[in-house]
């Protein structure tokens, strides 16, 4: 399983002196993009493909506070992908230096065409890449219903 280690910086801490919630999101994004980079899909390569990953939602579960002073590790696993590949879901776990699970996040994302700014199917190159990512035990093919899991729609003001 792919993991990335992080040192908790002073700027990552909130007024309660523990890891701020937005730092969790930063660490997850960095872990995903590091995996992409390490496997040949740098930001420049994705840009040349006119392809960008976007987060649609991130659902956090916090188990234990995280404080500065000891590093944490963030894991990456593929939880699901839609049949045409447009949508994907990742699972991230946060661990302390002793391997205790501190937090978990399920995120759903999609690929957009950077020219049209619309959702798109990724090229086969991306499919092969996604096949290499460690999968969760409950990995599944995402359905249209999964992509609308929370039934939320934009509201007019």
N, C-alpha and C. Protein backbone atom coordinates (compact mmCIF):
# COMPACT_ATOMS: atom_id res chain seq x y z
N UNK A 1 0.85 -1.18 0.00
CA UNK A 1 0.00 0.00 0.00
C UNK A 1 0.89 1.24 0.00
N UNK A 2 0.52 2.20 -0.81
CA UNK A 2 1.28 3.44 -0.93
C UNK A 2 1.00 4.31 0.29
N UNK A 3 2.07 4.85 0.89
CA UNK A 3 1.93 5.80 1.99
C UNK A 3 2.90 6.96 1.79
N UNK A 4 2.55 8.07 2.38
CA UNK A 4 3.39 9.27 2.35
C UNK A 4 3.51 9.77 3.79
N UNK A 5 4.72 10.10 4.19
CA UNK A 5 4.96 10.58 5.55
C UNK A 5 4.97 12.10 5.59
N UNK A 6 4.40 12.66 6.67
CA UNK A 6 4.33 14.10 6.85
C UNK A 6 4.78 14.47 8.25
N UNK A 7 5.50 15.57 8.33
CA UNK A 7 5.84 16.18 9.61
C UNK A 7 4.79 17.25 9.88
N UNK A 8 4.23 17.26 11.07
CA UNK A 8 3.22 18.26 11.42
C UNK A 8 3.93 19.59 11.67
N UNK A 9 3.63 20.56 10.82
CA UNK A 9 4.24 21.89 10.96
C UNK A 9 3.36 22.78 11.82
N UNK A 10 3.96 23.84 12.36
CA UNK A 10 3.22 24.78 13.17
C UNK A 10 2.01 25.32 12.40
N UNK A 11 2.17 25.57 11.12
CA UNK A 11 1.08 26.13 10.30
C UNK A 11 -0.04 25.11 10.05
N UNK A 12 0.19 23.84 10.39
CA UNK A 12 -0.83 22.80 10.21
C UNK A 12 -1.74 22.64 11.43
N UNK A 13 -1.46 23.40 12.48
CA UNK A 13 -2.15 23.26 13.75
C UNK A 13 -3.18 24.39 13.91
N UNK A 14 -4.33 24.06 14.51
CA UNK A 14 -5.36 25.08 14.74
C UNK A 14 -5.28 25.63 16.16
N UNK A 15 -6.27 26.40 16.56
CA UNK A 15 -6.26 27.04 17.88
C UNK A 15 -6.39 26.04 19.03
N UNK A 16 -6.79 24.80 18.73
CA UNK A 16 -6.84 23.74 19.75
C UNK A 16 -5.51 23.00 19.85
N UNK A 17 -4.53 23.45 19.09
CA UNK A 17 -3.17 22.90 19.07
C UNK A 17 -3.10 21.47 18.52
N UNK A 18 -4.11 21.08 17.75
CA UNK A 18 -4.03 19.79 17.04
C UNK A 18 -4.17 20.05 15.53
N UNK A 19 -3.94 19.02 14.75
CA UNK A 19 -3.96 19.14 13.29
C UNK A 19 -5.32 19.69 12.84
N UNK A 20 -5.28 20.80 12.09
CA UNK A 20 -6.51 21.43 11.61
C UNK A 20 -7.14 20.57 10.51
N UNK A 21 -8.46 20.64 10.39
CA UNK A 21 -9.15 19.77 9.44
C UNK A 21 -8.70 20.01 8.00
N UNK A 22 -8.41 21.25 7.62
CA UNK A 22 -8.00 21.49 6.24
C UNK A 22 -6.60 20.93 5.95
N UNK A 23 -5.79 20.70 6.98
CA UNK A 23 -4.48 20.08 6.77
C UNK A 23 -4.64 18.62 6.37
N UNK A 24 -5.66 17.95 6.91
CA UNK A 24 -5.93 16.57 6.50
C UNK A 24 -6.18 16.52 4.99
N UNK A 25 -6.97 17.46 4.50
CA UNK A 25 -7.28 17.53 3.07
C UNK A 25 -6.00 17.80 2.27
N UNK A 26 -5.17 18.72 2.76
CA UNK A 26 -3.90 19.01 2.08
C UNK A 26 -3.03 17.76 2.01
N UNK A 27 -2.94 17.03 3.11
CA UNK A 27 -2.10 15.82 3.15
C UNK A 27 -2.63 14.75 2.19
N UNK A 28 -3.95 14.60 2.13
CA UNK A 28 -4.53 13.61 1.22
C UNK A 28 -4.25 13.98 -0.24
N UNK A 29 -4.47 15.24 -0.58
CA UNK A 29 -4.22 15.69 -1.95
C UNK A 29 -2.75 15.48 -2.32
N UNK A 30 -1.87 15.83 -1.40
CA UNK A 30 -0.44 15.67 -1.66
C UNK A 30 -0.08 14.19 -1.83
N UNK A 31 -0.68 13.33 -1.03
CA UNK A 31 -0.43 11.89 -1.15
C UNK A 31 -0.87 11.38 -2.52
N UNK A 32 -2.07 11.77 -2.95
CA UNK A 32 -2.58 11.33 -4.27
C UNK A 32 -1.67 11.82 -5.39
N UNK A 33 -1.35 13.12 -5.35
CA UNK A 33 -0.55 13.66 -6.45
C UNK A 33 0.89 13.14 -6.41
N UNK A 34 1.40 12.81 -5.24
CA UNK A 34 2.73 12.17 -5.15
C UNK A 34 2.70 10.80 -5.79
N UNK A 35 1.62 10.06 -5.55
CA UNK A 35 1.47 8.74 -6.18
C UNK A 35 1.45 8.91 -7.70
N UNK A 36 0.65 9.84 -8.17
CA UNK A 36 0.57 10.10 -9.62
C UNK A 36 1.96 10.42 -10.15
N UNK A 37 2.65 11.36 -9.51
CA UNK A 37 3.99 11.79 -9.92
C UNK A 37 4.96 10.60 -9.94
N UNK A 38 4.96 9.82 -8.86
CA UNK A 38 5.87 8.68 -8.74
C UNK A 38 5.62 7.61 -9.81
N UNK A 39 4.43 7.62 -10.39
CA UNK A 39 4.08 6.62 -11.40
C UNK A 39 3.93 7.20 -12.80
N UNK A 40 4.59 8.34 -13.04
CA UNK A 40 4.69 8.88 -14.39
C UNK A 40 3.60 9.84 -14.81
N UNK A 41 2.72 10.21 -13.89
CA UNK A 41 1.64 11.13 -14.25
C UNK A 41 1.80 12.44 -13.50
N UNK A 42 2.82 13.19 -13.89
CA UNK A 42 3.08 14.49 -13.27
C UNK A 42 1.96 15.46 -13.66
N UNK A 43 1.92 16.58 -12.97
CA UNK A 43 0.95 17.61 -13.30
C UNK A 43 1.14 18.08 -14.74
N UNK A 44 2.39 18.18 -15.19
CA UNK A 44 2.67 18.58 -16.57
C UNK A 44 2.13 17.57 -17.57
N UNK A 45 2.31 16.27 -17.26
CA UNK A 45 1.82 15.24 -18.19
C UNK A 45 0.30 15.27 -18.25
N UNK A 46 -0.35 15.39 -17.10
CA UNK A 46 -1.81 15.47 -17.10
C UNK A 46 -2.28 16.69 -17.88
N UNK A 47 -1.58 17.80 -17.73
CA UNK A 47 -1.95 19.02 -18.45
C UNK A 47 -1.81 18.83 -19.96
N UNK A 48 -0.74 18.14 -20.38
CA UNK A 48 -0.57 17.86 -21.81
C UNK A 48 -1.68 16.96 -22.34
N UNK A 49 -2.24 16.13 -21.45
CA UNK A 49 -3.35 15.25 -21.83
C UNK A 49 -4.68 16.00 -21.74
N UNK A 50 -4.63 17.30 -21.31
CA UNK A 50 -5.83 18.12 -21.09
C UNK A 50 -6.75 17.46 -20.08
N UNK A 51 -6.16 16.87 -19.03
CA UNK A 51 -6.90 16.09 -18.06
C UNK A 51 -6.57 16.56 -16.65
N UNK A 52 -7.59 16.73 -15.84
CA UNK A 52 -7.37 17.13 -14.46
C UNK A 52 -8.28 16.37 -13.52
N UNK A 53 -7.75 15.94 -12.37
CA UNK A 53 -8.60 15.30 -11.36
C UNK A 53 -9.25 16.37 -10.47
N UNK A 54 -10.52 16.20 -10.15
CA UNK A 54 -11.22 17.13 -9.26
C UNK A 54 -11.88 16.34 -8.14
N UNK A 55 -11.85 16.90 -6.95
CA UNK A 55 -12.52 16.29 -5.80
C UNK A 55 -13.98 16.73 -5.79
N UNK A 56 -14.89 15.78 -5.67
CA UNK A 56 -16.31 16.09 -5.60
C UNK A 56 -16.79 16.14 -4.15
N UNK A 57 -16.26 15.25 -3.32
CA UNK A 57 -16.51 15.33 -1.88
C UNK A 57 -15.44 14.56 -1.14
N UNK A 58 -15.26 14.92 0.12
CA UNK A 58 -14.33 14.24 1.01
C UNK A 58 -15.04 14.09 2.35
N UNK A 59 -15.18 12.87 2.80
CA UNK A 59 -15.90 12.58 4.05
C UNK A 59 -14.89 12.08 5.08
N UNK A 60 -14.65 12.90 6.10
CA UNK A 60 -13.64 12.59 7.11
C UNK A 60 -14.25 11.91 8.33
N UNK A 61 -13.48 10.99 8.90
CA UNK A 61 -13.79 10.36 10.18
C UNK A 61 -12.55 10.55 11.06
N UNK A 62 -12.71 11.21 12.18
CA UNK A 62 -11.58 11.46 13.09
C UNK A 62 -11.67 10.51 14.27
N UNK A 63 -10.56 9.82 14.56
CA UNK A 63 -10.53 8.87 15.66
C UNK A 63 -9.72 9.37 16.86
N UNK A 64 -8.64 10.06 16.58
CA UNK A 64 -7.73 10.50 17.63
C UNK A 64 -7.08 11.81 17.19
N UNK A 65 -6.83 12.69 18.15
CA UNK A 65 -6.18 13.96 17.83
C UNK A 65 -4.75 13.72 17.34
N UNK A 66 -4.30 14.61 16.47
CA UNK A 66 -2.94 14.57 15.95
C UNK A 66 -2.24 15.86 16.38
N UNK A 67 -1.07 15.70 17.01
CA UNK A 67 -0.32 16.83 17.54
C UNK A 67 1.05 16.92 16.86
N UNK A 68 1.66 18.10 16.87
CA UNK A 68 3.02 18.23 16.34
C UNK A 68 4.00 17.39 17.17
N UNK A 69 5.12 17.08 16.56
CA UNK A 69 6.19 16.39 17.29
C UNK A 69 6.52 15.02 16.75
N UNK A 70 5.54 14.35 16.16
CA UNK A 70 5.79 13.03 15.59
C UNK A 70 5.20 12.99 14.19
N UNK A 71 5.86 12.31 13.28
CA UNK A 71 5.33 12.26 11.91
C UNK A 71 4.08 11.38 11.82
N UNK A 72 3.29 11.61 10.79
CA UNK A 72 2.16 10.73 10.49
C UNK A 72 2.33 10.22 9.06
N UNK A 73 1.65 9.13 8.77
CA UNK A 73 1.64 8.57 7.42
C UNK A 73 0.21 8.58 6.90
N UNK A 74 0.08 8.86 5.61
CA UNK A 74 -1.21 8.87 4.94
C UNK A 74 -1.18 7.82 3.84
N UNK A 75 -2.15 6.92 3.87
CA UNK A 75 -2.20 5.85 2.86
C UNK A 75 -3.13 6.23 1.71
N UNK A 76 -3.00 5.50 0.63
CA UNK A 76 -3.83 5.69 -0.56
C UNK A 76 -4.27 4.33 -1.07
N UNK A 77 -5.59 4.16 -1.21
CA UNK A 77 -6.15 2.96 -1.83
C UNK A 77 -7.30 3.38 -2.74
N UNK A 78 -7.49 2.62 -3.79
CA UNK A 78 -8.60 2.85 -4.70
C UNK A 78 -9.82 2.11 -4.17
N UNK A 79 -10.90 2.86 -3.93
CA UNK A 79 -12.12 2.28 -3.36
C UNK A 79 -13.14 1.95 -4.44
N UNK A 80 -13.05 2.66 -5.58
CA UNK A 80 -13.99 2.39 -6.66
C UNK A 80 -13.67 3.22 -7.88
N UNK A 81 -14.20 2.77 -9.01
CA UNK A 81 -14.07 3.52 -10.26
C UNK A 81 -15.31 3.20 -11.10
N UNK A 82 -15.83 4.20 -11.80
CA UNK A 82 -17.02 3.98 -12.62
C UNK A 82 -16.65 3.19 -13.87
N UNK A 83 -17.66 2.60 -14.45
CA UNK A 83 -17.46 1.73 -15.62
C UNK A 83 -16.71 2.42 -16.75
N UNK A 84 -17.04 3.71 -16.99
CA UNK A 84 -16.37 4.45 -18.07
C UNK A 84 -15.12 5.17 -17.58
N UNK A 85 -14.88 5.13 -16.25
CA UNK A 85 -13.65 5.70 -15.69
C UNK A 85 -13.72 7.16 -15.32
N UNK A 86 -14.84 7.81 -15.56
CA UNK A 86 -14.96 9.24 -15.27
C UNK A 86 -14.86 9.52 -13.77
N UNK A 87 -15.48 8.67 -12.96
CA UNK A 87 -15.51 8.87 -11.51
C UNK A 87 -14.60 7.86 -10.82
N UNK A 88 -14.01 8.29 -9.71
CA UNK A 88 -13.15 7.41 -8.92
C UNK A 88 -13.33 7.74 -7.46
N UNK A 89 -13.02 6.79 -6.61
CA UNK A 89 -13.12 6.98 -5.17
C UNK A 89 -11.85 6.44 -4.53
N UNK A 90 -11.27 7.23 -3.64
CA UNK A 90 -10.07 6.83 -2.91
C UNK A 90 -10.38 6.76 -1.42
N UNK A 91 -9.63 5.91 -0.74
CA UNK A 91 -9.68 5.82 0.71
C UNK A 91 -8.31 6.20 1.24
N UNK A 92 -8.29 7.12 2.21
CA UNK A 92 -7.05 7.52 2.87
C UNK A 92 -7.17 7.19 4.35
N UNK A 93 -6.13 6.60 4.91
CA UNK A 93 -6.03 6.40 6.35
C UNK A 93 -4.83 7.16 6.86
N UNK A 94 -4.95 7.69 8.06
CA UNK A 94 -3.88 8.43 8.71
C UNK A 94 -3.38 7.60 9.88
N UNK A 95 -2.07 7.40 9.96
CA UNK A 95 -1.47 6.56 11.00
C UNK A 95 -0.38 7.33 11.74
N UNK A 96 -0.26 7.03 13.05
CA UNK A 96 0.86 7.61 13.80
C UNK A 96 2.10 6.74 13.61
N UNK A 97 3.18 7.11 14.27
CA UNK A 97 4.45 6.39 14.10
C UNK A 97 4.40 4.95 14.62
N UNK A 98 3.38 4.63 15.42
CA UNK A 98 3.23 3.27 15.95
C UNK A 98 2.21 2.47 15.16
N UNK A 99 1.66 3.05 14.09
CA UNK A 99 0.71 2.35 13.25
C UNK A 99 -0.74 2.45 13.70
N UNK A 100 -1.04 3.30 14.67
CA UNK A 100 -2.42 3.48 15.11
C UNK A 100 -3.17 4.33 14.10
N UNK A 101 -4.39 3.89 13.78
CA UNK A 101 -5.24 4.61 12.82
C UNK A 101 -5.86 5.83 13.50
N UNK A 102 -5.49 7.03 13.03
CA UNK A 102 -5.91 8.29 13.64
C UNK A 102 -7.14 8.89 12.97
N UNK A 103 -7.29 8.66 11.67
CA UNK A 103 -8.40 9.23 10.91
C UNK A 103 -8.53 8.48 9.60
N UNK A 104 -9.69 8.65 8.98
CA UNK A 104 -9.95 8.02 7.68
C UNK A 104 -10.77 8.99 6.84
N UNK A 105 -10.54 8.94 5.55
CA UNK A 105 -11.32 9.79 4.64
C UNK A 105 -11.67 9.02 3.38
N UNK A 106 -12.93 9.10 3.01
CA UNK A 106 -13.40 8.58 1.73
C UNK A 106 -13.61 9.79 0.84
N UNK A 107 -13.01 9.76 -0.33
CA UNK A 107 -13.20 10.88 -1.25
C UNK A 107 -13.67 10.36 -2.60
N UNK A 108 -14.48 11.16 -3.26
CA UNK A 108 -14.89 10.85 -4.63
C UNK A 108 -14.43 11.98 -5.51
N UNK A 109 -13.92 11.60 -6.67
CA UNK A 109 -13.46 12.58 -7.62
C UNK A 109 -13.86 12.20 -9.02
N UNK A 110 -13.49 13.03 -9.95
CA UNK A 110 -13.79 12.80 -11.36
C UNK A 110 -12.70 13.44 -12.20
N UNK A 111 -12.67 13.07 -13.46
CA UNK A 111 -11.72 13.66 -14.41
C UNK A 111 -12.45 14.73 -15.21
N UNK A 112 -11.78 15.87 -15.41
CA UNK A 112 -12.34 16.90 -16.27
C UNK A 112 -11.38 17.15 -17.43
N UNK A 113 -11.97 17.52 -18.55
CA UNK A 113 -11.21 17.97 -19.71
C UNK A 113 -10.84 19.42 -19.42
N UNK A 114 -9.55 19.72 -19.40
CA UNK A 114 -9.11 21.07 -19.04
C UNK A 114 -9.45 22.12 -20.08
N UNK A 115 -9.81 21.69 -21.29
CA UNK A 115 -10.23 22.66 -22.32
C UNK A 115 -11.71 22.99 -22.21
N UNK A 116 -12.54 21.94 -22.12
CA UNK A 116 -13.99 22.15 -22.08
C UNK A 116 -14.52 22.42 -20.67
N UNK A 117 -13.70 22.04 -19.64
CA UNK A 117 -14.08 22.17 -18.23
C UNK A 117 -15.30 21.31 -17.90
N UNK A 118 -15.44 20.20 -18.61
CA UNK A 118 -16.55 19.26 -18.38
C UNK A 118 -15.98 17.89 -18.01
N UNK A 119 -16.80 17.11 -17.32
CA UNK A 119 -16.39 15.75 -16.97
C UNK A 119 -16.07 14.97 -18.24
N UNK A 120 -15.08 14.09 -18.12
CA UNK A 120 -14.65 13.34 -19.29
C UNK A 120 -14.17 11.94 -18.90
N UNK A 121 -14.15 11.06 -19.87
CA UNK A 121 -13.57 9.74 -19.67
C UNK A 121 -12.06 9.85 -19.85
N UNK A 122 -11.30 9.20 -19.00
CA UNK A 122 -9.85 9.27 -19.14
C UNK A 122 -9.36 8.36 -20.27
N UNK A 123 -8.18 8.65 -20.82
CA UNK A 123 -7.61 7.76 -21.84
C UNK A 123 -7.20 6.42 -21.21
N UNK A 124 -6.96 5.43 -22.05
CA UNK A 124 -6.61 4.08 -21.57
C UNK A 124 -5.35 4.08 -20.71
N UNK A 125 -4.47 5.01 -20.94
CA UNK A 125 -3.25 5.16 -20.14
C UNK A 125 -3.60 5.31 -18.66
N UNK A 126 -4.63 6.06 -18.38
CA UNK A 126 -5.08 6.29 -17.00
C UNK A 126 -5.69 5.01 -16.44
N UNK A 127 -6.43 4.28 -17.28
CA UNK A 127 -7.03 3.01 -16.83
C UNK A 127 -5.94 2.05 -16.36
N UNK A 128 -4.88 1.93 -17.14
CA UNK A 128 -3.78 1.03 -16.77
C UNK A 128 -3.15 1.48 -15.46
N UNK A 129 -2.99 2.77 -15.31
CA UNK A 129 -2.43 3.36 -14.10
C UNK A 129 -3.31 3.04 -12.88
N UNK A 130 -4.63 3.22 -13.01
CA UNK A 130 -5.54 2.95 -11.89
C UNK A 130 -5.54 1.48 -11.49
N UNK A 131 -5.32 0.60 -12.46
CA UNK A 131 -5.27 -0.84 -12.16
C UNK A 131 -4.14 -1.20 -11.21
N UNK A 132 -3.08 -0.39 -11.20
CA UNK A 132 -1.90 -0.67 -10.36
C UNK A 132 -2.08 -0.24 -8.92
N UNK A 133 -3.04 0.64 -8.63
CA UNK A 133 -3.22 1.15 -7.27
C UNK A 133 -3.82 0.06 -6.39
N UNK A 134 -3.30 -0.05 -5.16
CA UNK A 134 -3.83 -1.00 -4.18
C UNK A 134 -5.31 -0.70 -3.98
N UNK A 135 -6.13 -1.74 -3.98
CA UNK A 135 -7.58 -1.57 -3.86
C UNK A 135 -8.06 -1.97 -2.46
N UNK A 136 -9.12 -1.32 -2.02
CA UNK A 136 -9.72 -1.65 -0.73
C UNK A 136 -10.42 -3.01 -0.84
N UNK A 137 -10.69 -3.62 0.31
CA UNK A 137 -11.40 -4.90 0.32
C UNK A 137 -12.79 -4.78 -0.26
N UNK A 138 -13.40 -3.58 -0.10
CA UNK A 138 -14.76 -3.38 -0.60
C UNK A 138 -14.77 -2.60 -1.93
N UNK A 139 -13.67 -2.70 -2.69
CA UNK A 139 -13.60 -2.03 -4.00
C UNK A 139 -14.82 -2.41 -4.84
N UNK A 140 -15.34 -1.43 -5.58
CA UNK A 140 -16.50 -1.71 -6.42
C UNK A 140 -16.50 -0.83 -7.67
N UNK A 141 -17.27 -1.24 -8.63
CA UNK A 141 -17.53 -0.42 -9.81
C UNK A 141 -18.59 0.58 -9.39
N UNK A 142 -18.27 1.86 -9.50
CA UNK A 142 -19.19 2.92 -9.09
C UNK A 142 -20.33 3.07 -10.08
N UNK A 143 -21.53 3.23 -9.54
CA UNK A 143 -22.72 3.43 -10.36
C UNK A 143 -23.10 4.91 -10.34
N UNK A 144 -24.06 5.26 -11.16
CA UNK A 144 -24.56 6.63 -11.18
C UNK A 144 -25.10 7.01 -9.79
N UNK A 145 -25.75 6.06 -9.13
CA UNK A 145 -26.29 6.32 -7.79
C UNK A 145 -25.17 6.61 -6.80
N UNK A 146 -24.03 5.93 -6.93
CA UNK A 146 -22.89 6.19 -6.05
C UNK A 146 -22.37 7.62 -6.21
N UNK A 147 -22.41 8.13 -7.42
CA UNK A 147 -21.89 9.47 -7.67
C UNK A 147 -22.84 10.55 -7.15
N UNK A 148 -24.05 10.16 -6.83
CA UNK A 148 -25.04 11.09 -6.28
C UNK A 148 -25.45 10.65 -4.88
N UNK A 149 -24.52 10.05 -4.19
CA UNK A 149 -24.72 9.43 -2.89
C UNK A 149 -25.49 10.30 -1.90
N UNK A 150 -25.20 11.57 -1.86
CA UNK A 150 -25.81 12.44 -0.87
C UNK A 150 -26.99 13.23 -1.42
N UNK A 151 -27.30 13.05 -2.70
CA UNK A 151 -28.47 13.68 -3.29
C UNK A 151 -28.47 15.19 -3.26
N UNK A 152 -27.31 15.78 -3.20
CA UNK A 152 -27.21 17.24 -3.13
C UNK A 152 -27.14 17.83 -4.54
N UNK A 153 -27.79 18.95 -4.68
CA UNK A 153 -27.76 19.69 -5.94
C UNK A 153 -27.54 21.16 -5.61
N UNK A 154 -26.95 21.91 -6.54
CA UNK A 154 -26.79 23.35 -6.29
C UNK A 154 -28.16 24.01 -6.08
N UNK A 155 -28.19 25.00 -5.21
CA UNK A 155 -29.43 25.73 -4.97
C UNK A 155 -29.32 27.14 -5.51
N UNK A 156 -30.41 27.63 -6.02
CA UNK A 156 -30.46 29.01 -6.48
C UNK A 156 -30.59 29.92 -5.27
N UNK A 157 -29.99 31.08 -5.37
CA UNK A 157 -30.10 32.06 -4.26
C UNK A 157 -31.35 32.88 -4.40
